[in-house]
Amino acid sequence: MLVKSKVKYIQSLSQKKFRDEEGVFVAEGPKIVSELLSGREVEPVELYALESWFSDHSQLISAYDQSLFTVIRPSELERISFLSTPNEVLGVFRKPQVRDTKPGPLLLMLDNI
């Protein structure tokens, strides 16, 4: 069950200013949340999901501290979701720290080319 203060906190994360202050980002949907949890590059802060999602992904979440996870009802998920149609799970994750590289004349990074 979600308390009112948590609902307000999650809703405040819809604004970039608050996400930057807290150093977090929000991910919604089973695919992206599962990928973030299995990748282990990003630290989960809180995870809110329906009972069915937790039971389907019990092996994935067993590696984490169970106090991070909260089972919620569909109506509660609708209150905290930024999507028009919420989809099973919402996670708050710590933003990864970008490591500085050696200064050089030019650095080019490409992803998914």
PDB file of N, CA and C in Angstrom:
ATOM      1  N   MET A   1       0.839  -1.185   0.000  1.00  0.00           N
ATOM      2  CA  MET A   1       0.000   0.000   0.000  1.00  0.00           C
ATOM      3  C   MET A   1       0.884   1.248   0.000  1.00  0.00           C
ATOM      4  N   LEU A   2       0.476   2.217  -0.777  1.00  0.00           N
ATOM      5  CA  LEU A   2       1.222   3.458  -0.892  1.00  0.00           C
ATOM      6  C   LEU A   2       0.684   4.511   0.072  1.00  0.00           C
ATOM      7  N   VAL A   3       1.592   5.190   0.740  1.00  0.00           N
ATOM      8  CA  VAL A   3       1.189   6.310   1.582  1.00  0.00           C
ATOM      9  C   VAL A   3       1.190   7.572   0.731  1.00  0.00           C
ATOM     10  N   LYS A   4       0.462   8.561   1.184  1.00  0.00           N
ATOM     11  CA  LYS A   4       0.286   9.791   0.414  1.00  0.00           C
ATOM     12  C   LYS A   4       1.622  10.481   0.114  1.00  0.00           C
ATOM     13  N   SER A   5       2.552  10.452   1.054  1.00  0.00           N
ATOM     14  CA  SER A   5       3.844  11.119   0.844  1.00  0.00           C
ATOM     15  C   SER A   5       4.631  10.463  -0.291  1.00  0.00           C
ATOM     16  N   LYS A   6       4.541   9.139  -0.428  1.00  0.00           N
ATOM     17  CA  LYS A   6       5.228   8.440  -1.520  1.00  0.00           C
ATOM     18  C   LYS A   6       4.603   8.793  -2.862  1.00  0.00           C
ATOM     19  N   VAL A   7       3.278   8.882  -2.887  1.00  0.00           N
ATOM     20  CA  VAL A   7       2.584   9.259  -4.128  1.00  0.00           C
ATOM     21  C   VAL A   7       3.040  10.643  -4.564  1.00  0.00           C
ATOM     22  N   LYS A   8       3.105  11.589  -3.623  1.00  0.00           N
ATOM     23  CA  LYS A   8       3.537  12.950  -3.949  1.00  0.00           C
ATOM     24  C   LYS A   8       4.989  12.962  -4.433  1.00  0.00           C
ATOM     25  N   TYR A   9       5.834  12.174  -3.759  1.00  0.00           N
ATOM     26  CA  TYR A   9       7.241  12.116  -4.149  1.00  0.00           C
ATOM     27  C   TYR A   9       7.387  11.602  -5.582  1.00  0.00           C
ATOM     28  N   ILE A  10       6.720  10.513  -5.904  1.00  0.00           N
ATOM     29  CA  ILE A  10       6.821   9.930  -7.249  1.00  0.00           C
ATOM     30  C   ILE A  10       6.240  10.884  -8.282  1.00  0.00           C
ATOM     31  N   GLN A  11       5.130  11.518  -7.958  1.00  0.00           N
ATOM     32  CA  GLN A  11       4.541  12.477  -8.889  1.00  0.00           C
ATOM     33  C   GLN A  11       5.476  13.666  -9.111  1.00  0.00           C
ATOM     34  N   SER A  12       6.220  14.055  -8.087  1.00  0.00           N
ATOM     35  CA  SER A  12       7.153  15.180  -8.241  1.00  0.00           C
ATOM     36  C   SER A  12       8.288  14.836  -9.207  1.00  0.00           C
ATOM     37  N   LEU A  13       8.581  13.550  -9.356  1.00  0.00           N
ATOM     38  CA  LEU A  13       9.661  13.130 -10.253  1.00  0.00           C
ATOM     39  C   LEU A  13       9.297  13.293 -11.723  1.00  0.00           C
ATOM     40  N   SER A  14       8.086  13.714 -12.003  1.00  0.00           N
ATOM     41  CA  SER A  14       7.725  14.008 -13.392  1.00  0.00           C
ATOM     42  C   SER A  14       8.439  15.275 -13.872  1.00  0.00           C
ATOM     43  N   GLN A  15       8.949  16.057 -12.918  1.00  0.00           N
ATOM     44  CA  GLN A  15       9.660  17.286 -13.266  1.00  0.00           C
ATOM     45  C   GLN A  15      11.168  17.049 -13.204  1.00  0.00           C
ATOM     46  N   LYS A  16      11.854  17.493 -14.235  1.00  0.00           N
ATOM     47  CA  LYS A  16      13.301  17.291 -14.346  1.00  0.00           C
ATOM     48  C   LYS A  16      14.047  17.866 -13.153  1.00  0.00           C
ATOM     49  N   LYS A  17      13.597  18.992 -12.664  1.00  0.00           N
ATOM     50  CA  LYS A  17      14.246  19.655 -11.532  1.00  0.00           C
ATOM     51  C   LYS A  17      14.346  18.723 -10.325  1.00  0.00           C
ATOM     52  N   PHE A  18      13.264  18.040 -10.017  1.00  0.00           N
ATOM     53  CA  PHE A  18      13.244  17.150  -8.862  1.00  0.00           C
ATOM     54  C   PHE A  18      14.049  15.868  -9.126  1.00  0.00           C
ATOM     55  N   ARG A  19      13.995  15.361 -10.357  1.00  0.00           N
ATOM     56  CA  ARG A  19      14.798  14.177 -10.692  1.00  0.00           C
ATOM     57  C   ARG A  19      16.281  14.486 -10.544  1.00  0.00           C
ATOM     58  N   ASP A  20      16.698  15.676 -11.003  1.00  0.00           N
ATOM     59  CA  ASP A  20      18.100  16.067 -10.895  1.00  0.00           C
ATOM     60  C   ASP A  20      18.511  16.267  -9.438  1.00  0.00           C
ATOM     61  N   GLU A  21      17.647  16.876  -8.641  1.00  0.00           N
ATOM     62  CA  GLU A  21      17.946  17.069  -7.217  1.00  0.00           C
ATOM     63  C   GLU A  21      18.151  15.744  -6.504  1.00  0.00           C
ATOM     64  N   GLU A  22      17.301  14.778  -6.811  1.00  0.00           N
ATOM     65  CA  GLU A  22      17.361  13.474  -6.156  1.00  0.00           C
ATOM     66  C   GLU A  22      18.377  12.541  -6.800  1.00  0.00           C
ATOM     67  N   GLY A  23      18.786  12.839  -8.030  1.00  0.00           N
ATOM     68  CA  GLY A  23      19.735  11.977  -8.739  1.00  0.00           C
ATOM     69  C   GLY A  23      19.113  10.657  -9.167  1.00  0.00           C
ATOM     70  N   VAL A  24      17.837  10.696  -9.553  1.00  0.00           N
ATOM     71  CA  VAL A  24      17.110   9.487  -9.929  1.00  0.00           C
ATOM     72  C   VAL A  24      16.395   9.674 -11.259  1.00  0.00           C
ATOM     73  N   PHE A  25      15.906   8.564 -11.806  1.00  0.00           N
ATOM     74  CA  PHE A  25      15.017   8.599 -12.962  1.00  0.00           C
ATOM     75  C   PHE A  25      13.955   7.532 -12.768  1.00  0.00           C
ATOM     76  N   VAL A  26      12.859   7.661 -13.512  1.00  0.00           N
ATOM     77  CA  VAL A  26      11.737   6.734 -13.392  1.00  0.00           C
ATOM     78  C   VAL A  26      11.662   5.897 -14.661  1.00  0.00           C
ATOM     79  N   ALA A  27      11.485   4.588 -14.481  1.00  0.00           N
ATOM     80  CA  ALA A  27      11.300   3.667 -15.606  1.00  0.00           C
ATOM     81  C   ALA A  27       9.980   2.938 -15.396  1.00  0.00           C
ATOM     82  N   GLU A  28       9.196   2.816 -16.460  1.00  0.00           N
ATOM     83  CA  GLU A  28       7.898   2.151 -16.375  1.00  0.00           C
ATOM     84  C   GLU A  28       7.778   1.061 -17.426  1.00  0.00           C
ATOM     85  N   GLY A  29       7.128  -0.010 -17.037  1.00  0.00           N
ATOM     86  CA  GLY A  29       6.878  -1.122 -17.946  1.00  0.00           C
ATOM     87  C   GLY A  29       7.753  -2.309 -17.620  1.00  0.00           C
ATOM     88  N   PRO A  30       7.228  -3.509 -17.843  1.00  0.00           N
ATOM     89  CA  PRO A  30       7.954  -4.719 -17.460  1.00  0.00           C
ATOM     90  C   PRO A  30       9.264  -4.931 -18.209  1.00  0.00           C
ATOM     91  N   LYS A  31       9.306  -4.589 -19.478  1.00  0.00           N
ATOM     92  CA  LYS A  31      10.515  -4.845 -20.269  1.00  0.00           C
ATOM     93  C   LYS A  31      11.685  -3.988 -19.797  1.00  0.00           C
ATOM     94  N   ILE A  32      11.501  -2.683 -19.711  1.00  0.00           N
ATOM     95  CA  ILE A  32      12.607  -1.798 -19.337  1.00  0.00           C
ATOM     96  C   ILE A  32      13.044  -2.027 -17.892  1.00  0.00           C
ATOM     97  N   VAL A  33      12.100  -2.228 -16.982  1.00  0.00           N
ATOM     98  CA  VAL A  33      12.459  -2.453 -15.582  1.00  0.00           C
ATOM     99  C   VAL A  33      13.216  -3.774 -15.428  1.00  0.00           C
ATOM    100  N   SER A  34      12.771  -4.812 -16.120  1.00  0.00           N
ATOM    101  CA  SER A  34      13.472  -6.100 -16.068  1.00  0.00           C
ATOM    102  C   SER A  34      14.894  -5.979 -16.607  1.00  0.00           C
ATOM    103  N   GLU A  35      15.059  -5.236 -17.696  1.00  0.00           N
ATOM    104  CA  GLU A  35      16.389  -5.058 -18.272  1.00  0.00           C
ATOM    105  C   GLU A  35      17.306  -4.276 -17.337  1.00  0.00           C
ATOM    106  N   LEU A  36      16.759  -3.251 -16.689  1.00  0.00           N
ATOM    107  CA  LEU A  36      17.566  -2.471 -15.752  1.00  0.00           C
ATOM    108  C   LEU A  36      17.982  -3.310 -14.546  1.00  0.00           C
ATOM    109  N   LEU A  37      17.075  -4.129 -14.048  1.00  0.00           N
ATOM    110  CA  LEU A  37      17.391  -4.970 -12.895  1.00  0.00           C
ATOM    111  C   LEU A  37      18.393  -6.067 -13.249  1.00  0.00           C
ATOM    112  N   SER A  38      18.262  -6.649 -14.419  1.00  0.00           N
ATOM    113  CA  SER A  38      19.179  -7.730 -14.801  1.00  0.00           C
ATOM    114  C   SER A  38      20.538  -7.197 -15.227  1.00  0.00           C
ATOM    115  N   GLY A  39      20.594  -5.958 -15.718  1.00  0.00           N
ATOM    116  CA  GLY A  39      21.863  -5.373 -16.149  1.00  0.00           C
ATOM    117  C   GLY A  39      22.787  -5.013 -15.009  1.00  0.00           C
ATOM    118  N   ARG A  40      22.241  -4.651 -13.879  1.00  0.00           N
ATOM    119  CA  ARG A  40      22.990  -4.317 -12.663  1.00  0.00           C
ATOM    120  C   ARG A  40      23.897  -3.097 -12.778  1.00  0.00           C
ATOM    121  N   GLU A  41      23.806  -2.319 -13.852  1.00  0.00           N
ATOM    122  CA  GLU A  41      24.598  -1.090 -13.943  1.00  0.00           C
ATOM    123  C   GLU A  41      23.922   0.052 -13.211  1.00  0.00           C
ATOM    124  N   VAL A  42      22.621  -0.071 -13.003  1.00  0.00           N
ATOM    125  CA  VAL A  42      21.835   0.991 -12.386  1.00  0.00           C
ATOM    126  C   VAL A  42      21.241   0.462 -11.091  1.00  0.00           C
ATOM    127  N   GLU A  43      21.369   1.242 -10.024  1.00  0.00           N
ATOM    128  CA  GLU A  43      20.886   0.827  -8.707  1.00  0.00           C
ATOM    129  C   GLU A  43      19.409   1.166  -8.536  1.00  0.00           C
ATOM    130  N   PRO A  44      18.577   0.197  -8.206  1.00  0.00           N
ATOM    131  CA  PRO A  44      17.163   0.507  -7.935  1.00  0.00           C
ATOM    132  C   PRO A  44      17.019   1.184  -6.575  1.00  0.00           C
ATOM    133  N   VAL A  45      16.170   2.202  -6.524  1.00  0.00           N
ATOM    134  CA  VAL A  45      15.896   2.902  -5.271  1.00  0.00           C
ATOM    135  C   VAL A  45      14.582   2.385  -4.695  1.00  0.00           C
ATOM    136  N   GLU A  46      13.556   2.301  -5.541  1.00  0.00           N
ATOM    137  CA  GLU A  46      12.232   1.803  -5.154  1.00  0.00           C
ATOM    138  C   GLU A  46      11.598   1.153  -6.369  1.00  0.00           C
ATOM    139  N   LEU A  47      10.784   0.146  -6.117  1.00  0.00           N
ATOM    140  CA  LEU A  47      10.082  -0.522  -7.205  1.00  0.00           C
ATOM    141  C   LEU A  47       8.655  -0.793  -6.757  1.00  0.00           C
ATOM    142  N   TYR A  48       7.689  -0.366  -7.556  1.00  0.00           N
ATOM    143  CA  TYR A  48       6.271  -0.552  -7.261  1.00  0.00           C
ATOM    144  C   TYR A  48       5.667  -1.372  -8.382  1.00  0.00           C
ATOM    145  N   ALA A  49       5.041  -2.479  -8.019  1.00  0.00           N
ATOM    146  CA  ALA A  49       4.504  -3.361  -9.055  1.00  0.00           C
ATOM    147  C   ALA A  49       3.303  -4.132  -8.545  1.00  0.00           C
ATOM    148  N   LEU A  50       2.565  -4.652  -9.508  1.00  0.00           N
ATOM    149  CA  LEU A  50       1.433  -5.512  -9.182  1.00  0.00           C
ATOM    150  C   LEU A  50       1.953  -6.861  -8.688  1.00  0.00           C
ATOM    151  N   GLU A  51       1.134  -7.535  -7.923  1.00  0.00           N
ATOM    152  CA  GLU A  51       1.491  -8.859  -7.380  1.00  0.00           C
ATOM    153  C   GLU A  51       1.909  -9.816  -8.491  1.00  0.00           C
ATOM    154  N   SER A  52       1.210  -9.771  -9.624  1.00  0.00           N
ATOM    155  CA  SER A  52       1.514 -10.680 -10.731  1.00  0.00           C
ATOM    156  C   SER A  52       2.919 -10.454 -11.289  1.00  0.00           C
ATOM    157  N   TRP A  53       3.365  -9.195 -11.348  1.00  0.00           N
ATOM    158  CA  TRP A  53       4.711  -8.918 -11.855  1.00  0.00           C
ATOM    159  C   TRP A  53       5.760  -9.499 -10.911  1.00  0.00           C
ATOM    160  N   PHE A  54       5.565  -9.312  -9.608  1.00  0.00           N
ATOM    161  CA  PHE A  54       6.517  -9.848  -8.634  1.00  0.00           C
ATOM    162  C   PHE A  54       6.590 -11.371  -8.700  1.00  0.00           C
ATOM    163  N   SER A  55       5.453 -12.019  -8.840  1.00  0.00           N
ATOM    164  CA  SER A  55       5.475 -13.486  -8.892  1.00  0.00           C
ATOM    165  C   SER A  55       6.131 -13.985 -10.184  1.00  0.00           C
ATOM    166  N   ASP A  56       5.956 -13.263 -11.291  1.00  0.00           N
ATOM    167  CA  ASP A  56       6.580 -13.664 -12.557  1.00  0.00           C
ATOM    168  C   ASP A  56       8.089 -13.417 -12.577  1.00  0.00           C
ATOM    169  N   HIS A  57       8.573 -12.474 -11.766  1.00  0.00           N
ATOM    170  CA  HIS A  57       9.982 -12.092 -11.789  1.00  0.00           C
ATOM    171  C   HIS A  57      10.666 -12.348 -10.439  1.00  0.00           C
ATOM    172  N   SER A  58      10.201 -13.333  -9.711  1.00  0.00           N
ATOM    173  CA  SER A  58      10.742 -13.604  -8.376  1.00  0.00           C
ATOM    174  C   SER A  58      12.237 -13.934  -8.401  1.00  0.00           C
ATOM    175  N   GLN A  59      12.684 -14.636  -9.416  1.00  0.00           N
ATOM    176  CA  GLN A  59      14.103 -14.976  -9.497  1.00  0.00           C
ATOM    177  C   GLN A  59      14.953 -13.732  -9.737  1.00  0.00           C
ATOM    178  N   LEU A  60      14.480 -12.827 -10.561  1.00  0.00           N
ATOM    179  CA  LEU A  60      15.210 -11.599 -10.875  1.00  0.00           C
ATOM    180  C   LEU A  60      15.353 -10.702  -9.652  1.00  0.00           C
ATOM    181  N   ILE A  61      14.296 -10.566  -8.870  1.00  0.00           N
ATOM    182  CA  ILE A  61      14.329  -9.647  -7.732  1.00  0.00           C
ATOM    183  C   ILE A  61      14.932 -10.272  -6.475  1.00  0.00           C
ATOM    184  N   SER A  62      15.179 -11.566  -6.494  1.00  0.00           N
ATOM    185  CA  SER A  62      15.725 -12.229  -5.308  1.00  0.00           C
ATOM    186  C   SER A  62      17.134 -11.742  -4.974  1.00  0.00           C
ATOM    187  N   ALA A  63      17.843 -11.190  -5.927  1.00  0.00           N
ATOM    188  CA  ALA A  63      19.211 -10.713  -5.704  1.00  0.00           C
ATOM    189  C   ALA A  63      19.252  -9.353  -5.005  1.00  0.00           C
ATOM    190  N   TYR A  64      18.105  -8.711  -4.860  1.00  0.00           N
ATOM    191  CA  TYR A  64      18.044  -7.371  -4.279  1.00  0.00           C
ATOM    192  C   TYR A  64      17.411  -7.407  -2.899  1.00  0.00           C
ATOM    193  N   ASP A  65      17.648  -6.334  -2.145  1.00  0.00           N
ATOM    194  CA  ASP A  65      17.030  -6.164  -0.840  1.00  0.00           C
ATOM    195  C   ASP A  65      15.523  -6.037  -1.035  1.00  0.00           C
ATOM    196  N   GLN A  66      14.768  -6.882  -0.383  1.00  0.00           N
ATOM    197  CA  GLN A  66      13.321  -6.936  -0.576  1.00  0.00           C
ATOM    198  C   GLN A  66      12.599  -5.689  -0.058  1.00  0.00           C
ATOM    199  N   SER A  67      13.265  -4.885   0.765  1.00  0.00           N
ATOM    200  CA  SER A  67      12.628  -3.666   1.266  1.00  0.00           C
ATOM    201  C   SER A  67      12.473  -2.610   0.168  1.00  0.00           C
ATOM    202  N   LEU A  68      13.143  -2.798  -0.964  1.00  0.00           N
ATOM    203  CA  LEU A  68      13.018  -1.869  -2.095  1.00  0.00           C
ATOM    204  C   LEU A  68      11.707  -2.035  -2.844  1.00  0.00           C
ATOM    205  N   PHE A  69      11.055  -3.177  -2.661  1.00  0.00           N
ATOM    206  CA  PHE A  69       9.900  -3.537  -3.468  1.00  0.00           C
ATOM    207  C   PHE A  69       8.601  -3.362  -2.703  1.00  0.00           C
ATOM    208  N   THR A  70       7.594  -2.815  -3.397  1.00  0.00           N
ATOM    209  CA  THR A  70       6.278  -2.610  -2.813  1.00  0.00           C
ATOM    210  C   THR A  70       5.215  -3.149  -3.760  1.00  0.00           C
ATOM    211  N   VAL A  71       4.371  -4.015  -3.236  1.00  0.00           N
ATOM    212  CA  VAL A  71       3.248  -4.540  -4.020  1.00  0.00           C
ATOM    213  C   VAL A  71       2.114  -3.519  -3.933  1.00  0.00           C
ATOM    214  N   ILE A  72       1.580  -3.145  -5.089  1.00  0.00           N
ATOM    215  CA  ILE A  72       0.493  -2.166  -5.127  1.00  0.00           C
ATOM    216  C   ILE A  72      -0.667  -2.698  -5.960  1.00  0.00           C
ATOM    217  N   ARG A  73      -1.800  -2.045  -5.799  1.00  0.00           N
ATOM    218  CA  ARG A  73      -2.995  -2.399  -6.574  1.00  0.00           C
ATOM    219  C   ARG A  73      -2.992  -1.603  -7.887  1.00  0.00           C
ATOM    220  N   PRO A  74      -3.763  -2.058  -8.879  1.00  0.00           N
ATOM    221  CA  PRO A  74      -3.828  -1.321 -10.155  1.00  0.00           C
ATOM    222  C   PRO A  74      -4.252   0.135  -9.988  1.00  0.00           C
ATOM    223  N   SER A  75      -5.151   0.417  -9.075  1.00  0.00           N
ATOM    224  CA  SER A  75      -5.589   1.810  -8.865  1.00  0.00           C
ATOM    225  C   SER A  75      -4.448   2.674  -8.331  1.00  0.00           C
ATOM    226  N   GLU A  76      -3.582   2.096  -7.490  1.00  0.00           N
ATOM    227  CA  GLU A  76      -2.430   2.841  -6.975  1.00  0.00           C
ATOM    228  C   GLU A  76      -1.406   3.073  -8.079  1.00  0.00           C
ATOM    229  N   LEU A  77      -1.232   2.087  -8.938  1.00  0.00           N
ATOM    230  CA  LEU A  77      -0.309   2.233 -10.056  1.00  0.00           C
ATOM    231  C   LEU A  77      -0.761   3.358 -10.984  1.00  0.00           C
ATOM    232  N   GLU A  78      -2.054   3.478 -11.190  1.00  0.00           N
ATOM    233  CA  GLU A  78      -2.583   4.568 -12.020  1.00  0.00           C
ATOM    234  C   GLU A  78      -2.269   5.932 -11.420  1.00  0.00           C
ATOM    235  N   ARG A  79      -2.277   6.021 -10.108  1.00  0.00           N
ATOM    236  CA  ARG A  79      -2.008   7.303  -9.433  1.00  0.00           C
ATOM    237  C   ARG A  79      -0.563   7.747  -9.594  1.00  0.00           C
ATOM    238  N   ILE A  80       0.377   6.804  -9.617  1.00  0.00           N
ATOM    239  CA  ILE A  80       1.788   7.183  -9.669  1.00  0.00           C
ATOM    240  C   ILE A  80       2.387   7.129 -11.066  1.00  0.00           C
ATOM    241  N   SER A  81       1.702   6.517 -11.997  1.00  0.00           N
ATOM    242  CA  SER A  81       2.247   6.343 -13.343  1.00  0.00           C
ATOM    243  C   SER A  81       2.189   7.639 -14.135  1.00  0.00           C
ATOM    244  N   PHE A  82       3.182   7.828 -15.002  1.00  0.00           N
ATOM    245  CA  PHE A  82       3.206   8.971 -15.909  1.00  0.00           C
ATOM    246  C   PHE A  82       2.603   8.605 -17.260  1.00  0.00           C
ATOM    247  N   LEU A  83       2.242   7.347 -17.434  1.00  0.00           N
ATOM    248  CA  LEU A  83       1.661   6.874 -18.688  1.00  0.00           C
ATOM    249  C   LEU A  83       0.137   6.937 -18.630  1.00  0.00           C
ATOM    250  N   SER A  84      -0.494   7.071 -19.789  1.00  0.00           N
ATOM    251  CA  SER A  84      -1.956   7.080 -19.815  1.00  0.00           C
ATOM    252  C   SER A  84      -2.518   5.693 -19.505  1.00  0.00           C
ATOM    253  N   THR A  85      -1.764   4.649 -19.869  1.00  0.00           N
ATOM    254  CA  THR A  85      -2.146   3.279 -19.543  1.00  0.00           C
ATOM    255  C   THR A  85      -0.988   2.625 -18.787  1.00  0.00           C
ATOM    256  N   PRO A  86      -1.032   2.610 -17.456  1.00  0.00           N
ATOM    257  CA  PRO A  86       0.067   2.025 -16.683  1.00  0.00           C
ATOM    258  C   PRO A  86       0.250   0.550 -16.989  1.00  0.00           C
ATOM    259  N   ASN A  87       1.494   0.091 -16.872  1.00  0.00           N
ATOM    260  CA  ASN A  87       1.801  -1.278 -17.281  1.00  0.00           C
ATOM    261  C   ASN A  87       2.588  -2.037 -16.208  1.00  0.00           C
ATOM    262  N   GLU A  88       1.940  -2.567 -15.226  1.00  0.00           N
ATOM    263  CA  GLU A  88       2.430  -3.529 -14.234  1.00  0.00           C
ATOM    264  C   GLU A  88       3.475  -3.041 -13.246  1.00  0.00           C
ATOM    265  N   VAL A  89       4.458  -2.236 -13.686  1.00  0.00           N
ATOM    266  CA  VAL A  89       5.580  -1.921 -12.799  1.00  0.00           C
ATOM    267  C   VAL A  89       6.124  -0.521 -13.059  1.00  0.00           C
ATOM    268  N   LEU A  90       6.550   0.120 -11.971  1.00  0.00           N
ATOM    269  CA  LEU A  90       7.202   1.426 -12.042  1.00  0.00           C
ATOM    270  C   LEU A  90       8.404   1.373 -11.115  1.00  0.00           C
ATOM    271  N   GLY A  91       9.549   1.779 -11.611  1.00  0.00           N
ATOM    272  CA  GLY A  91      10.763   1.748 -10.805  1.00  0.00           C
ATOM    273  C   GLY A  91      11.429   3.097 -10.753  1.00  0.00           C
ATOM    274  N   VAL A  92      11.971   3.425  -9.596  1.00  0.00           N
ATOM    275  CA  VAL A  92      12.790   4.621  -9.420  1.00  0.00           C
ATOM    276  C   VAL A  92      14.220   4.124  -9.278  1.00  0.00           C
ATOM    277  N   PHE A  93      15.095   4.607 -10.147  1.00  0.00           N
ATOM    278  CA  PHE A  93      16.480   4.138 -10.193  1.00  0.00           C
ATOM    279  C   PHE A  93      17.439   5.311 -10.022  1.00  0.00           C
ATOM    280  N   ARG A  94      18.588   5.032  -9.402  1.00  0.00           N
ATOM    281  CA  ARG A  94      19.636   6.033  -9.250  1.00  0.00           C
ATOM    282  C   ARG A  94      20.291   6.265 -10.596  1.00  0.00           C
ATOM    283  N   LYS A  95      20.516   7.534 -10.949  1.00  0.00           N
ATOM    284  CA  LYS A  95      21.183   7.847 -12.215  1.00  0.00           C
ATOM    285  C   LYS A  95      22.621   7.340 -12.158  1.00  0.00           C
ATOM    286  N   PRO A  96      23.083   6.700 -13.230  1.00  0.00           N
ATOM    287  CA  PRO A  96      24.473   6.232 -13.238  1.00  0.00           C
ATOM    288  C   PRO A  96      25.431   7.417 -13.303  1.00  0.00           C
ATOM    289  N   GLN A  97      26.571   7.257 -12.648  1.00  0.00           N
ATOM    290  CA  GLN A  97      27.597   8.295 -12.665  1.00  0.00           C
ATOM    291  C   GLN A  97      28.453   8.129 -13.910  1.00  0.00           C
ATOM    292  N   VAL A  98      28.657   9.208 -14.626  1.00  0.00           N
ATOM    293  CA  VAL A  98      29.502   9.182 -15.816  1.00  0.00           C
ATOM    294  C   VAL A  98      30.941   9.391 -15.366  1.00  0.00           C
ATOM    295  N   ARG A  99      31.790   8.474 -15.763  1.00  0.00           N
ATOM    296  CA  ARG A  99      33.204   8.573 -15.391  1.00  0.00           C
ATOM    297  C   ARG A  99      33.924   9.495 -16.353  1.00  0.00           C
ATOM    298  N   ASP A 100      34.747  10.353 -15.815  1.00  0.00           N
ATOM    299  CA  ASP A 100      35.556  11.229 -16.665  1.00  0.00           C
ATOM    300  C   ASP A 100      36.652  10.410 -17.317  1.00  0.00           C
ATOM    301  N   THR A 101      36.894  10.698 -18.566  1.00  0.00           N
ATOM    302  CA  THR A 101      37.976  10.025 -19.279  1.00  0.00           C
ATOM    303  C   THR A 101      39.169  10.963 -19.345  1.00  0.00           C
ATOM    304  N   LYS A 102      40.288  10.446 -19.778  1.00  0.00           N
ATOM    305  CA  LYS A 102      41.475  11.275 -19.903  1.00  0.00           C
ATOM    306  C   LYS A 102      41.209  12.382 -20.916  1.00  0.00           C
ATOM    307  N   PRO A 103      41.629  13.578 -20.578  1.00  0.00           N
ATOM    308  CA  PRO A 103      41.433  14.648 -21.565  1.00  0.00           C
ATOM    309  C   PRO A 103      42.291  14.385 -22.800  1.00  0.00           C
ATOM    310  N   GLY A 104      41.718  14.605 -23.929  1.00  0.00           N
ATOM    311  CA  GLY A 104      42.439  14.363 -25.176  1.00  0.00           C
ATOM    312  C   GLY A 104      41.913  15.313 -26.235  1.00  0.00           C
ATOM    313  N   PRO A 105      42.434  15.198 -27.413  1.00  0.00           N
ATOM    314  CA  PRO A 105      42.028  16.122 -28.463  1.00  0.00           C
ATOM    315  C   PRO A 105      40.566  15.921 -28.875  1.00  0.00           C
ATOM    316  N   LEU A 106      40.108  14.668 -28.908  1.00  0.00           N
ATOM    317  CA  LEU A 106      38.751  14.409 -29.363  1.00  0.00           C
ATOM    318  C   LEU A 106      38.295  13.051 -28.833  1.00  0.00           C
ATOM    319  N   LEU A 107      37.072  12.986 -28.395  1.00  0.00           N
ATOM    320  CA  LEU A 107      36.506  11.721 -27.923  1.00  0.00           C
ATOM    321  C   LEU A 107      35.151  11.551 -28.593  1.00  0.00           C
ATOM    322  N   LEU A 108      34.954  10.429 -29.246  1.00  0.00           N
ATOM    323  CA  LEU A 108      33.710  10.154 -29.935  1.00  0.00           C
ATOM    324  C   LEU A 108      33.139   8.850 -29.385  1.00  0.00           C
ATOM    325  N   MET A 109      31.903   8.913 -28.873  1.00  0.00           N
ATOM    326  CA  MET A 109      31.245   7.729 -28.347  1.00  0.00           C
ATOM    327  C   MET A 109      29.996   7.465 -29.182  1.00  0.00           C
ATOM    328  N   LEU A 110      29.845   6.227 -29.639  1.00  0.00           N
ATOM    329  CA  LEU A 110      28.704   5.841 -30.456  1.00  0.00           C
ATOM    330  C   LEU A 110      27.960   4.707 -29.793  1.00  0.00           C
ATOM    331  N   ASP A 111      26.653   4.711 -29.935  1.00  0.00           N
ATOM    332  CA  ASP A 111      25.836   3.679 -29.312  1.00  0.00           C
ATOM    333  C   ASP A 111      24.751   3.262 -30.289  1.00  0.00           C
ATOM    334  N   ASN A 112      24.543   1.952 -30.424  1.00  0.00           N
ATOM    335  CA  ASN A 112      23.478   1.401 -31.268  1.00  0.00           C
ATOM    336  C   ASN A 112      23.527   1.883 -32.720  1.00  0.00           C
ATOM    337  N   ILE A 113      24.656   1.769 -33.308  1.00  0.00           N
ATOM    338  CA  ILE A 113      24.778   2.189 -34.714  1.00  0.00           C
ATOM    339  C   ILE A 113      24.416   1.026 -35.613  1.00  0.00           C
TER     340      ILE A 113
END
